[in-house]
Amino acid sequence: MIHLKNKEEIGKMRSAAQLVVEVLNKMKENVQPGVTTWDLDLMAEEHALKNGAKPAFKGYSDYPGSVCFAVNNEVVHGIPSKKKVLKEGDIVG
């Protein structure tokens, strides 16, 4: 069975997507050498909470972060860490 979204549901999805864009842009602005993935995670969580959203990953199966990071060749579900300090040339996904 296919569930077609109504205007209200589509509006909620649009609002959520706009918030995701804001969070990603905020992290993009702050990705620089010396910043930890933990710092970026906190920025993302604070922005989401400030805007009435709850990070979906946080607490799911005991996951400690609000977002997942992959730095350089790491797996896609890298856990935010105070020890993972970004260096010049790092690729963050």
C-alpha atoms as a PDB file:
ATOM      1  CA  MET A   1       0.000   0.000   0.000  1.00  0.00           C
ATOM      2  CA  ILE A   2       1.294   3.454  -0.881  1.00  0.00           C
ATOM      3  CA  HIS A   3       0.645   6.267   1.582  1.00  0.00           C
ATOM      4  CA  LEU A   4       0.347   9.635  -0.140  1.00  0.00           C
ATOM      5  CA  LYS A   5       1.395  12.569   2.050  1.00  0.00           C
ATOM      6  CA  ASN A   6      -1.097  15.356   2.636  1.00  0.00           C
ATOM      7  CA  LYS A   7      -0.166  19.060   2.641  1.00  0.00           C
ATOM      8  CA  GLU A   8       0.396  19.107   6.413  1.00  0.00           C
ATOM      9  CA  GLU A   9       2.740  16.107   6.294  1.00  0.00           C
ATOM     10  CA  ILE A  10       4.659  17.575   3.371  1.00  0.00           C
ATOM     11  CA  GLY A  11       4.957  20.858   5.269  1.00  0.00           C
ATOM     12  CA  LYS A  12       6.462  19.058   8.254  1.00  0.00           C
ATOM     13  CA  MET A  13       8.915  17.248   5.996  1.00  0.00           C
ATOM     14  CA  ARG A  14       9.874  20.553   4.355  1.00  0.00           C
ATOM     15  CA  SER A  15      10.481  22.188   7.759  1.00  0.00           C
ATOM     16  CA  ALA A  16      12.617  19.262   8.898  1.00  0.00           C
ATOM     17  CA  ALA A  17      14.658  19.353   5.689  1.00  0.00           C
ATOM     18  CA  GLN A  18      15.225  23.103   6.068  1.00  0.00           C
ATOM     19  CA  LEU A  19      16.514  22.556   9.604  1.00  0.00           C
ATOM     20  CA  VAL A  20      18.884  19.836   8.368  1.00  0.00           C
ATOM     21  CA  VAL A  21      20.250  22.288   5.799  1.00  0.00           C
ATOM     22  CA  GLU A  22      20.781  24.871   8.555  1.00  0.00           C
ATOM     23  CA  VAL A  23      22.622  22.352  10.744  1.00  0.00           C
ATOM     24  CA  LEU A  24      24.842  21.199   7.881  1.00  0.00           C
ATOM     25  CA  ASN A  25      25.650  24.799   6.938  1.00  0.00           C
ATOM     26  CA  LYS A  26      26.482  25.623  10.557  1.00  0.00           C
ATOM     27  CA  MET A  27      28.868  22.681  10.750  1.00  0.00           C
ATOM     28  CA  LYS A  28      30.358  23.582   7.346  1.00  0.00           C
ATOM     29  CA  GLU A  29      31.109  27.085   8.631  1.00  0.00           C
ATOM     30  CA  ASN A  30      32.907  25.614  11.648  1.00  0.00           C
ATOM     31  CA  VAL A  31      34.899  22.793  10.042  1.00  0.00           C
ATOM     32  CA  GLN A  32      38.511  23.876  10.405  1.00  0.00           C
ATOM     33  CA  PRO A  33      41.806  22.593  11.752  1.00  0.00           C
ATOM     34  CA  GLY A  34      41.760  22.229  15.544  1.00  0.00           C
ATOM     35  CA  VAL A  35      38.013  21.565  15.860  1.00  0.00           C
ATOM     36  CA  THR A  36      36.954  18.148  17.127  1.00  0.00           C
ATOM     37  CA  THR A  37      34.124  16.063  15.768  1.00  0.00           C
ATOM     38  CA  TRP A  38      32.697  16.317  19.309  1.00  0.00           C
ATOM     39  CA  ASP A  39      32.612  20.140  18.953  1.00  0.00           C
ATOM     40  CA  LEU A  40      30.775  19.856  15.649  1.00  0.00           C
ATOM     41  CA  ASP A  41      28.345  17.358  17.137  1.00  0.00           C
ATOM     42  CA  LEU A  42      27.532  19.751  19.993  1.00  0.00           C
ATOM     43  CA  MET A  43      26.938  22.578  17.516  1.00  0.00           C
ATOM     44  CA  ALA A  44      24.541  20.410  15.557  1.00  0.00           C
ATOM     45  CA  GLU A  45      22.665  19.263  18.653  1.00  0.00           C
ATOM     46  CA  GLU A  46      22.383  22.756  20.111  1.00  0.00           C
ATOM     47  CA  HIS A  47      21.022  24.174  16.851  1.00  0.00           C
ATOM     48  CA  ALA A  48      18.489  21.367  16.524  1.00  0.00           C
ATOM     49  CA  LEU A  49      17.284  21.692  20.116  1.00  0.00           C
ATOM     50  CA  LYS A  50      17.101  25.490  19.851  1.00  0.00           C
ATOM     51  CA  ASN A  51      14.778  25.027  16.893  1.00  0.00           C
ATOM     52  CA  GLY A  52      12.476  22.510  18.558  1.00  0.00           C
ATOM     53  CA  ALA A  53      13.969  19.362  17.030  1.00  0.00           C
ATOM     54  CA  LYS A  54      15.441  16.281  18.668  1.00  0.00           C
ATOM     55  CA  PRO A  55      18.483  14.624  17.074  1.00  0.00           C
ATOM     56  CA  ALA A  56      17.293  11.252  15.776  1.00  0.00           C
ATOM     57  CA  PHE A  57      20.593   9.372  16.224  1.00  0.00           C
ATOM     58  CA  LYS A  58      21.286  10.388  19.829  1.00  0.00           C
ATOM     59  CA  GLY A  59      20.538   7.490  22.145  1.00  0.00           C
ATOM     60  CA  TYR A  60      19.483   5.140  19.355  1.00  0.00           C
ATOM     61  CA  SER A  61      21.032   1.796  20.293  1.00  0.00           C
ATOM     62  CA  ASP A  62      23.169   3.746  22.792  1.00  0.00           C
ATOM     63  CA  TYR A  63      24.694   5.938  20.065  1.00  0.00           C
ATOM     64  CA  PRO A  64      26.283   8.867  21.958  1.00  0.00           C
ATOM     65  CA  GLY A  65      26.183  11.543  19.252  1.00  0.00           C
ATOM     66  CA  SER A  66      23.673  13.619  17.368  1.00  0.00           C
ATOM     67  CA  VAL A  67      25.363  13.094  14.001  1.00  0.00           C
ATOM     68  CA  CYS A  68      27.676  10.575  12.371  1.00  0.00           C
ATOM     69  CA  PHE A  69      31.054  11.623  10.994  1.00  0.00           C
ATOM     70  CA  ALA A  70      33.400  10.054   8.520  1.00  0.00           C
ATOM     71  CA  VAL A  71      36.817  11.707   8.488  1.00  0.00           C
ATOM     72  CA  ASN A  72      38.975  10.783   5.507  1.00  0.00           C
ATOM     73  CA  ASN A  73      38.780   6.995   5.068  1.00  0.00           C
ATOM     74  CA  GLU A  74      36.701   6.185   8.172  1.00  0.00           C
ATOM     75  CA  VAL A  75      33.489   4.240   7.965  1.00  0.00           C
ATOM     76  CA  VAL A  76      30.359   6.253   7.406  1.00  0.00           C
ATOM     77  CA  HIS A  77      29.103   5.952  10.999  1.00  0.00           C
ATOM     78  CA  GLY A  78      32.076   7.510  12.767  1.00  0.00           C
ATOM     79  CA  ILE A  79      31.275   8.420  16.364  1.00  0.00           C
ATOM     80  CA  PRO A  80      31.930  12.040  17.418  1.00  0.00           C
ATOM     81  CA  SER A  81      34.997  12.227  19.645  1.00  0.00           C
ATOM     82  CA  LYS A  82      36.847  14.787  21.750  1.00  0.00           C
ATOM     83  CA  LYS A  83      40.033  13.068  20.555  1.00  0.00           C
ATOM     84  CA  LYS A  84      39.303  13.377  16.816  1.00  0.00           C
ATOM     85  CA  VAL A  85      40.843  16.790  16.060  1.00  0.00           C
ATOM     86  CA  LEU A  86      40.521  17.924  12.462  1.00  0.00           C
ATOM     87  CA  LYS A  87      43.683  18.718  10.546  1.00  0.00           C
ATOM     88  CA  GLU A  88      44.283  20.792   7.419  1.00  0.00           C
ATOM     89  CA  GLY A  89      43.190  18.761   4.391  1.00  0.00           C
ATOM     90  CA  ASP A  90      40.868  16.376   6.255  1.00  0.00           C
ATOM     91  CA  ILE A  91      37.744  15.362   4.377  1.00  0.00           C
ATOM     92  CA  VAL A  92      34.674  15.292   6.601  1.00  0.00           C
ATOM     93  CA  GLY A  93      31.499  13.536   5.587  1.00  0.00           C
END
